[in-house]
Amino acid sequence: MSSTADKQYAIALFILPKISCILSALGSLMIISQVSRSQFNRTKPQQRIMLGISVIDFQTSIVWIFTSFFMPSESEALLATGNQKTCDAQGFVVQFSVAGVLYMCSLQFQYLLVIKYGWGERRIRNVEKWFHAVPILFGGGTAIAALVLEQYNAANWDCWIAPSPPNCTSSYEVNKGNSDSGLTETDCVRGDNAEFYRWAFFFAPLWASIIFCIVAMVLVYRSVEKTERKSADWNESWRTEPRTTRGDNNRNKSEKRTVIPRVANQTSNQSLSDKVKSQNYWYSTAFFVVWMFPTIGRFIQLSGNDMHPVVGVLAGTFIGSQGLFNALIYFRPRYYKCVKYDKWYQKVGVLVYSTLFFCCYDGDYTKDDNDYVESNQHRAALSRNVTRQNSNLRFNDISSNGGCEDEEKQEES
């Protein structure tokens, strides 16, 4: 590949990830604002998990925006002006981002417990500490371990676990006798056995998390489908079930029970279950999309081939966009429930303004009566559905996700 093409790819790898990271940081900050400012949201386990995910995504996006300032000036990165200490700092934050990957497992596991197994909010709170402790402890522990082992070095477009010099022979390869130059000890100044630590600290947990999220998503989807079928069968049997009445001549007369079909109620229940499936589906899909190109690139390298620069650019661009996708999904229900504004850009503008510039925002769009009516109808429909099926499903926490109306006032209404 020509030097001109290499320079173009280097420029693309310098610019595109920064754009996605800026948008991702803003999206994460919007979620942080929406959850932390609402007393109602702060009481919900699912909202607190989203807060943890967003905090990690925000700090990771920030260090990736200023990648060139962290990377050592002697590296080949474009406009690199940092040193080894700044590289260690960025590498620490990037490695800690594996906590965000595990947090996605916590989110999917919470969906699974609530929807499939009918766990209530009180029961979820008893185990919620593990939803936060496992990601944070693993992310923090591996980040500290990699720092102590001097694993953080320039790696392609950022600082992370990498050998230095890049083509040095690890002590593992030397001990196996795979050194072509007959080395008796490693010539890596830093980052010895970096490949092993990449797998142990990041790629193995990442791929295990992807598999877990796929399984959880399938189980949740099947559970909701099963619940809807049971509800439909129950409604049908209620309308057609014969009942027996005793006349004056003590003879049994069979007649059909006449029931007015509750079309609106069924529609509301189906709408709620659709929202649950939809939110779960979109969070999982966004997670897969973000890590699709890094995974493809890793498979190419494992096969012994060189990764094409285009794959590297796509991997660097998408890997920093998790916060953007999360914000689009998180605020999607709220966007559709904002009935005061007709234009899409007005709705988006209000969502951004009210979350990022809330100190200067005094609008009253959160007091829309239509939102209250819709919210109450959903809550009433859910209550009837739960009573009828003797279920403990709790959709309110999951389907709301920061609706157009103020969450605290929604709860009071």
Protein backbone atom coordinates (compact mmCIF):
# COMPACT_ATOMS: atom_id res chain seq x y z
CA MET A 1 0.00 0.00 0.00
CA SER A 2 1.39 3.40 -0.95
CA SER A 3 2.52 5.95 1.57
CA THR A 4 -0.21 8.32 0.37
CA ALA A 5 -2.89 5.74 1.15
CA ASP A 6 -1.31 5.06 4.55
CA LYS A 7 -1.39 8.75 5.34
CA GLN A 8 -5.04 8.99 4.33
CA TYR A 9 -5.97 6.09 6.59
CA ALA A 10 -3.98 7.65 9.42
CA ILE A 11 -5.89 10.91 9.00
CA ALA A 12 -9.21 9.03 8.93
CA LEU A 13 -8.23 7.12 12.05
CA PHE A 14 -7.36 10.43 13.68
CA ILE A 15 -10.58 12.28 12.79
CA LEU A 16 -13.46 9.77 12.67
CA PRO A 17 -13.02 8.27 16.15
CA LYS A 18 -12.96 11.77 17.63
CA ILE A 19 -16.30 12.60 16.01
CA SER A 20 -17.95 9.44 17.31
CA CYS A 21 -16.40 9.94 20.75
CA ILE A 22 -17.63 13.53 21.00
CA LEU A 23 -21.18 12.43 20.17
CA SER A 24 -20.83 9.48 22.54
CA ALA A 25 -19.64 11.70 25.39
CA LEU A 26 -22.61 14.04 24.88
CA GLY A 27 -25.03 11.10 24.79
CA SER A 28 -23.59 9.61 27.97
CA LEU A 29 -23.73 12.99 29.67
CA MET A 30 -27.41 13.33 28.77
CA ILE A 31 -28.18 9.98 30.40
CA ILE A 32 -26.13 10.90 33.48
CA SER A 33 -28.07 14.15 33.77
CA GLN A 34 -31.46 12.50 33.26
CA VAL A 35 -30.84 9.80 35.88
CA SER A 36 -28.97 11.77 38.53
CA ARG A 37 -31.35 14.77 38.55
CA SER A 38 -34.50 12.68 38.96
CA GLN A 39 -35.25 11.29 42.39
CA PHE A 40 -37.65 8.82 40.79
CA ASN A 41 -35.00 7.55 38.36
CA ARG A 42 -32.39 7.24 41.09
CA THR A 43 -34.61 4.76 42.94
CA LYS A 44 -34.79 2.38 39.96
CA PRO A 45 -32.15 -0.40 39.64
CA GLN A 46 -32.28 -0.34 35.84
CA GLN A 47 -31.71 3.41 35.81
CA ARG A 48 -28.75 3.09 38.18
CA ILE A 49 -27.21 0.46 35.92
CA MET A 50 -27.59 2.84 32.97
CA LEU A 51 -25.93 5.52 35.08
CA GLY A 52 -22.93 3.24 35.69
CA ILE A 53 -22.65 2.38 32.01
CA SER A 54 -22.85 6.04 31.02
CA VAL A 55 -20.21 7.21 33.51
CA ILE A 56 -17.73 4.66 32.15
CA ASP A 57 -18.58 5.47 28.53
CA PHE A 58 -18.21 9.19 29.21
CA GLN A 59 -14.73 8.99 30.73
CA THR A 60 -13.55 6.59 28.02
CA SER A 61 -14.86 8.85 25.26
CA ILE A 62 -13.09 11.85 26.78
CA VAL A 63 -9.65 10.20 26.78
CA TRP A 64 -10.20 8.97 23.22
CA ILE A 65 -11.11 12.47 22.05
CA PHE A 66 -7.68 13.67 23.21
CA THR A 67 -5.81 10.52 22.16
CA SER A 68 -2.93 12.34 20.49
CA PHE A 69 -2.20 14.31 23.68
CA PHE A 70 -1.74 11.08 25.65
CA MET A 71 0.36 9.04 23.22
CA PRO A 72 4.17 9.34 23.44
CA SER A 73 5.69 11.77 20.99
CA GLU A 74 8.07 9.07 19.71
CA SER A 75 5.16 6.90 18.58
CA GLU A 76 4.00 6.99 14.97
CA ALA A 77 0.57 8.35 15.86
CA LEU A 78 -0.51 11.54 14.18
CA LEU A 79 0.20 14.67 16.29
CA ALA A 80 1.29 12.59 19.31
CA THR A 81 2.58 14.94 22.03
CA GLY A 82 2.43 12.88 25.24
CA ASN A 83 4.90 10.78 27.21
CA GLN A 84 4.92 7.46 29.03
CA LYS A 85 3.04 8.81 32.06
CA THR A 86 0.22 10.22 29.96
CA CYS A 87 0.17 6.97 28.01
CA ASP A 88 -0.20 5.05 31.29
CA ALA A 89 -3.08 7.32 32.27
CA GLN A 90 -4.96 6.74 29.03
CA GLY A 91 -4.22 3.02 29.06
CA PHE A 92 -5.63 2.79 32.59
CA VAL A 93 -8.92 4.44 31.59
CA VAL A 94 -9.19 2.40 28.37
CA GLN A 95 -8.65 -0.87 30.22
CA PHE A 96 -11.14 0.16 32.91
CA SER A 97 -13.72 0.50 30.11
CA VAL A 98 -14.08 -3.29 30.23
CA ALA A 99 -16.34 -2.52 33.19
CA GLY A 100 -18.79 -1.00 30.71
CA VAL A 101 -18.83 -4.29 28.81
CA LEU A 102 -19.66 -6.19 32.00
CA TYR A 103 -22.24 -3.55 32.91
CA MET A 104 -24.09 -4.48 29.72
CA CYS A 105 -24.28 -8.03 31.08
CA SER A 106 -25.73 -6.61 34.29
CA LEU A 107 -28.36 -4.74 32.29
CA GLN A 108 -29.33 -7.83 30.30
CA PHE A 109 -29.34 -9.98 33.44
CA GLN A 110 -31.65 -7.50 35.14
CA TYR A 111 -34.02 -7.65 32.16
CA LEU A 112 -33.92 -11.42 32.35
CA LEU A 113 -34.70 -11.60 36.07
CA VAL A 114 -37.56 -9.11 35.85
CA ILE A 115 -39.22 -10.28 32.66
CA LYS A 116 -38.65 -14.03 32.52
CA TYR A 117 -38.46 -14.90 36.20
CA GLY A 118 -40.81 -12.23 37.54
CA TRP A 119 -38.45 -10.68 40.07
CA GLY A 120 -39.87 -7.61 41.77
CA GLU A 121 -37.99 -4.40 42.45
CA ARG A 122 -37.37 -5.25 46.11
CA ARG A 123 -35.82 -8.57 45.20
CA ILE A 124 -33.70 -6.97 42.47
CA ARG A 125 -32.35 -4.47 45.00
CA ASN A 126 -31.08 -7.32 47.18
CA VAL A 127 -28.68 -8.42 44.43
CA GLU A 128 -28.15 -5.07 42.72
CA LYS A 129 -24.84 -4.50 44.48
CA TRP A 130 -23.35 -7.32 42.41
CA PHE A 131 -24.56 -5.67 39.21
CA HIS A 132 -22.20 -2.82 40.06
CA ALA A 133 -19.49 -4.55 42.09
CA VAL A 134 -18.46 -7.16 39.50
CA PRO A 135 -17.90 -4.71 36.60
CA ILE A 136 -16.14 -2.10 38.75
CA LEU A 137 -13.91 -4.56 40.63
CA PHE A 138 -12.90 -6.44 37.49
CA GLY A 139 -12.32 -3.26 35.49
CA GLY A 140 -10.39 -1.57 38.27
CA GLY A 141 -8.43 -4.68 39.19
CA THR A 142 -7.26 -5.42 35.65
CA ALA A 143 -6.46 -1.74 35.02
CA ILE A 144 -4.26 -1.63 38.12
CA ALA A 145 -2.62 -4.97 37.29
CA ALA A 146 -1.75 -3.84 33.76
CA LEU A 147 -0.29 -0.61 35.15
CA VAL A 148 1.92 -2.46 37.64
CA LEU A 149 3.06 -4.89 34.94
CA GLU A 150 4.01 -1.96 32.65
CA GLN A 151 1.68 -3.10 29.87
CA TYR A 152 0.45 0.31 28.68
CA ASN A 153 2.16 1.42 25.49
CA ALA A 154 1.28 2.91 22.11
CA ALA A 155 -1.11 0.52 20.35
CA ASN A 156 -2.23 1.61 16.88
CA TRP A 157 -4.36 4.70 17.57
CA ASP A 158 -4.35 4.86 21.38
CA CYS A 159 -2.44 3.70 24.45
CA TRP A 160 -3.40 0.30 25.76
CA ILE A 161 -1.89 -3.12 26.43
CA ALA A 162 0.84 -3.54 23.81
CA PRO A 163 4.47 -4.66 23.53
CA SER A 164 7.25 -2.11 23.31
CA PRO A 165 9.04 -2.16 20.94
CA PRO A 166 6.09 -3.33 18.82
CA ASN A 167 7.91 -6.28 17.23
CA CYS A 168 9.72 -7.57 20.32
CA THR A 169 9.68 -11.24 21.33
CA SER A 170 7.79 -12.03 24.53
CA SER A 171 9.27 -14.19 27.27
CA TYR A 172 6.57 -16.78 26.54
CA GLU A 173 7.78 -17.14 22.94
CA VAL A 174 11.40 -17.27 24.09
CA ASN A 175 10.66 -20.05 26.57
CA LYS A 176 8.85 -22.01 23.86
CA GLY A 177 11.87 -21.70 21.62
CA ASN A 178 9.98 -19.76 18.94
CA SER A 179 12.53 -16.96 18.73
CA ASP A 180 14.09 -16.78 15.25
CA SER A 181 17.04 -14.77 16.51
CA GLY A 182 18.01 -17.27 19.20
CA LEU A 183 17.13 -15.02 22.15
CA THR A 184 17.50 -16.43 25.63
CA GLU A 185 15.37 -13.74 27.22
CA THR A 186 12.75 -11.29 26.07
CA ASP A 187 13.79 -8.12 24.29
CA CYS A 188 10.57 -6.35 25.25
CA VAL A 189 11.35 -3.23 27.27
CA ARG A 190 7.70 -2.94 28.31
CA GLY A 191 4.56 -4.93 27.66
CA ASP A 192 6.05 -8.41 27.97
CA ASN A 193 3.44 -11.08 27.11
CA ALA A 194 1.03 -8.31 26.11
CA GLU A 195 -0.97 -10.69 23.93
CA PHE A 196 -1.79 -12.88 26.92
CA TYR A 197 -2.94 -9.93 29.01
CA ARG A 198 -5.07 -8.59 26.16
CA TRP A 199 -6.97 -11.85 26.12
CA ALA A 200 -7.16 -12.33 29.88
CA PHE A 201 -8.07 -8.74 30.72
CA PHE A 202 -10.29 -7.75 27.79
CA PHE A 203 -11.06 -9.98 24.81
CA ALA A 204 -12.11 -13.08 26.77
CA PRO A 205 -14.51 -11.08 29.02
CA LEU A 206 -15.75 -9.19 25.94
CA TRP A 207 -16.66 -12.26 23.92
CA ALA A 208 -18.09 -14.01 26.96
CA SER A 209 -20.26 -10.93 27.50
CA ILE A 210 -21.43 -10.95 23.88
CA ILE A 211 -22.47 -14.60 24.16
CA PHE A 212 -24.22 -13.94 27.48
CA CYS A 213 -26.15 -10.98 26.06
CA ILE A 214 -27.27 -13.01 23.05
CA VAL A 215 -28.56 -15.81 25.28
CA ALA A 216 -30.28 -13.36 27.66
CA MET A 217 -31.91 -11.48 24.78
CA VAL A 218 -33.29 -14.70 23.28
CA LEU A 219 -34.65 -15.85 26.66
CA VAL A 220 -36.31 -12.49 27.29
CA TYR A 221 -37.84 -12.39 23.83
CA ARG A 222 -39.23 -15.91 24.14
CA SER A 223 -40.59 -15.17 27.61
CA VAL A 224 -42.48 -12.09 26.44
CA GLU A 225 -43.84 -13.95 23.43
CA LYS A 226 -45.04 -16.76 25.70
CA THR A 227 -46.74 -14.28 28.05
CA GLU A 228 -48.53 -12.62 25.14
CA ARG A 229 -49.78 -15.95 23.83
CA LYS A 230 -51.11 -16.91 27.25
CA SER A 231 -52.84 -13.55 27.56
CA ALA A 232 -54.43 -13.96 24.13
CA ASP A 233 -55.58 -17.50 24.96
CA TRP A 234 -57.02 -16.33 28.27
CA ASN A 235 -58.98 -13.53 26.61
CA GLU A 236 -60.32 -15.91 24.00
CA SER A 237 -61.38 -18.52 26.54
CA TRP A 238 -63.06 -15.85 28.69
CA ARG A 239 -65.22 -14.73 25.76
CA THR A 240 -66.27 -18.24 24.74
CA GLU A 241 -66.40 -20.16 28.04
CA PRO A 242 -69.91 -21.60 28.66
CA ARG A 243 -71.65 -20.91 31.94
CA THR A 244 -74.47 -22.79 33.63
CA THR A 245 -77.66 -21.20 35.00
CA ARG A 246 -80.49 -22.88 36.90
CA GLY A 247 -84.04 -22.09 35.76
CA ASP A 248 -87.30 -22.35 37.65
CA ASN A 249 -87.74 -25.94 36.47
CA ASN A 250 -84.28 -26.89 37.93
CA ARG A 251 -82.97 -27.66 34.47
CA ASN A 252 -79.44 -26.57 33.56
CA LYS A 253 -79.20 -24.25 30.65
CA SER A 254 -75.93 -23.64 28.95
CA GLU A 255 -75.26 -20.30 27.40
CA LYS A 256 -72.30 -18.40 26.20
CA ARG A 257 -70.81 -15.77 28.42
CA THR A 258 -71.19 -12.41 26.77
CA VAL A 259 -68.21 -10.18 27.29
CA ILE A 260 -67.36 -6.94 25.57
CA PRO A 261 -63.89 -7.39 24.07
CA ARG A 262 -61.33 -5.21 25.81
CA VAL A 263 -59.54 -4.12 22.69
CA ALA A 264 -58.00 -1.02 24.24
CA ASN A 265 -56.72 -3.00 27.21
CA GLN A 266 -55.16 -5.66 25.00
CA THR A 267 -53.58 -3.00 22.84
CA SER A 268 -52.05 -1.28 25.87
CA ASN A 269 -50.68 -4.55 27.23
CA GLN A 270 -49.22 -5.45 23.86
CA SER A 271 -47.72 -1.97 23.61
CA LEU A 272 -45.99 -2.40 26.96
CA SER A 273 -44.56 -5.80 26.11
CA ASP A 274 -43.47 -4.48 22.72
CA LYS A 275 -41.60 -1.65 24.46
CA VAL A 276 -39.85 -4.10 26.77
CA LYS A 277 -38.80 -6.29 23.86
CA SER A 278 -37.80 -3.29 21.83
CA GLN A 279 -35.60 -1.71 24.50
CA ASN A 280 -33.91 -5.01 25.27
CA TYR A 281 -33.39 -5.70 21.58
CA TRP A 282 -31.93 -2.28 20.80
CA TYR A 283 -29.52 -2.23 23.74
CA SER A 284 -28.21 -5.65 22.73
CA THR A 285 -27.98 -4.73 19.06
CA ALA A 286 -26.07 -1.53 19.82
CA PHE A 287 -23.62 -3.52 21.94
CA PHE A 288 -23.03 -5.96 19.08
CA VAL A 289 -22.62 -3.21 16.48
CA VAL A 290 -20.06 -1.34 18.58
CA TRP A 291 -17.85 -4.41 18.96
CA MET A 292 -18.46 -5.96 15.53
CA PHE A 293 -15.50 -4.41 13.70
CA PRO A 294 -12.99 -4.81 16.57
CA THR A 295 -14.00 -8.47 16.72
CA ILE A 296 -13.62 -8.88 12.95
CA GLY A 297 -10.19 -7.26 13.11
CA ARG A 298 -9.17 -9.55 15.93
CA PHE A 299 -10.25 -12.65 14.03
CA ILE A 300 -8.23 -11.48 11.01
CA GLN A 301 -5.14 -11.10 13.17
CA LEU A 302 -5.67 -14.50 14.80
CA SER A 303 -5.79 -16.09 11.35
CA GLY A 304 -2.28 -14.78 10.69
CA ASN A 305 -3.29 -12.09 8.22
CA ASP A 306 -2.79 -8.35 8.34
CA MET A 307 -5.84 -6.30 9.19
CA HIS A 308 -6.85 -3.95 6.37
CA PRO A 309 -6.65 -0.27 7.36
CA VAL A 310 -10.35 0.18 6.55
CA VAL A 311 -11.24 -2.37 9.22
CA GLY A 312 -8.96 -0.54 11.64
CA VAL A 313 -10.67 2.78 10.91
CA LEU A 314 -14.14 1.27 11.35
CA ALA A 315 -13.09 -0.44 14.57
CA GLY A 316 -11.66 2.78 15.97
CA THR A 317 -14.79 4.71 14.97
CA PHE A 318 -17.42 2.33 16.32
CA ILE A 319 -15.62 1.31 19.49
CA GLY A 320 -16.08 4.81 20.89
CA SER A 321 -19.75 5.20 19.96
CA GLN A 322 -21.42 3.13 22.71
CA GLY A 323 -22.62 6.19 24.61
CA LEU A 324 -24.22 7.63 21.46
CA PHE A 325 -26.18 4.45 20.76
CA ASN A 326 -27.21 4.12 24.40
CA ALA A 327 -28.56 7.68 24.41
CA LEU A 328 -30.55 7.12 21.21
CA ILE A 329 -32.15 4.04 22.77
CA TYR A 330 -32.60 5.50 26.24
CA PHE A 331 -34.36 8.65 25.04
CA ARG A 332 -36.33 6.95 22.28
CA PRO A 333 -39.48 6.36 24.41
CA ARG A 334 -39.26 9.89 25.74
CA TYR A 335 -38.93 11.26 22.22
CA TYR A 336 -42.13 9.54 21.08
CA LYS A 337 -44.04 10.66 24.17
CA CYS A 338 -43.22 14.33 23.63
CA VAL A 339 -46.49 15.44 22.07
CA LYS A 340 -46.12 19.18 22.48
CA TYR A 341 -43.73 19.49 19.53
CA ASP A 342 -44.39 18.20 16.03
CA LYS A 343 -40.99 18.57 14.38
CA TRP A 344 -38.33 15.99 15.12
CA TYR A 345 -35.61 18.62 15.55
CA GLN A 346 -37.74 20.45 18.11
CA LYS A 347 -38.08 17.28 20.17
CA VAL A 348 -34.38 16.50 19.92
CA GLY A 349 -33.50 20.07 20.76
CA VAL A 350 -35.64 20.02 23.89
CA LEU A 351 -34.17 16.68 25.00
CA VAL A 352 -30.63 17.98 24.58
CA TYR A 353 -31.36 21.38 26.08
CA SER A 354 -33.22 20.03 29.11
CA THR A 355 -30.49 17.50 29.97
CA LEU A 356 -27.25 19.30 29.08
CA PHE A 357 -28.39 22.85 29.86
CA PHE A 358 -30.97 22.13 32.54
CA CYS A 359 -29.76 25.01 34.71
CA CYS A 360 -30.89 27.45 32.02
CA TYR A 361 -34.03 25.62 30.93
CA ASP A 362 -37.40 26.66 32.33
CA GLY A 363 -39.75 25.16 29.74
CA ASP A 364 -42.96 23.43 30.70
CA TYR A 365 -43.04 20.66 28.09
CA THR A 366 -42.80 18.09 30.89
CA LYS A 367 -46.24 19.12 32.13
CA ASP A 368 -48.12 17.86 29.08
CA ASP A 369 -51.45 16.39 30.15
CA ASN A 370 -51.42 13.99 27.24
CA ASP A 371 -48.30 12.38 28.65
CA TYR A 372 -49.95 11.95 32.03
CA VAL A 373 -52.98 10.34 30.43
CA GLU A 374 -50.85 7.98 28.40
CA SER A 375 -48.72 7.11 31.40
CA ASN A 376 -51.74 6.37 33.59
CA GLN A 377 -53.32 4.24 30.90
CA HIS A 378 -50.16 2.21 30.56
CA ARG A 379 -49.89 1.76 34.31
CA ALA A 380 -53.53 0.72 34.66
CA ALA A 381 -53.28 -1.71 31.76
CA LEU A 382 -50.17 -3.23 33.26
CA SER A 383 -51.86 -3.64 36.64
CA ARG A 384 -54.80 -5.47 35.08
CA ASN A 385 -52.49 -7.70 33.09
CA VAL A 386 -50.45 -8.62 36.15
CA THR A 387 -53.52 -9.40 38.23
CA ARG A 388 -55.10 -11.50 35.52
CA GLN A 389 -52.04 -13.68 34.98
CA ASN A 390 -50.93 -13.79 38.62
CA SER A 391 -47.57 -12.49 37.48
CA ASN A 392 -45.00 -10.29 39.12
CA LEU A 393 -43.72 -8.65 35.93
CA ARG A 394 -42.63 -5.08 36.42
CA PHE A 395 -42.53 -3.24 33.12
CA ASN A 396 -42.82 0.30 34.47
CA ASP A 397 -39.14 0.57 35.39
CA ILE A 398 -37.93 -0.75 32.06
CA SER A 399 -40.35 0.75 29.58
CA SER A 400 -40.20 4.32 30.88
CA ASN A 401 -36.48 5.10 30.49
CA GLY A 402 -36.92 8.82 31.00
CA GLY A 403 -40.20 9.65 29.31
CA CYS A 404 -41.12 13.08 28.05
CA GLU A 405 -42.89 13.84 31.30
CA ASP A 406 -41.02 14.44 34.51
CA GLU A 407 -40.54 11.02 36.10
CA GLU A 408 -41.27 12.16 39.64
CA LYS A 409 -44.52 13.87 38.61
CA GLN A 410 -45.40 10.89 36.48
CA GLU A 411 -45.22 8.69 39.54
CA GLU A 412 -47.41 11.04 41.52
CA SER A 413 -50.04 11.35 38.80
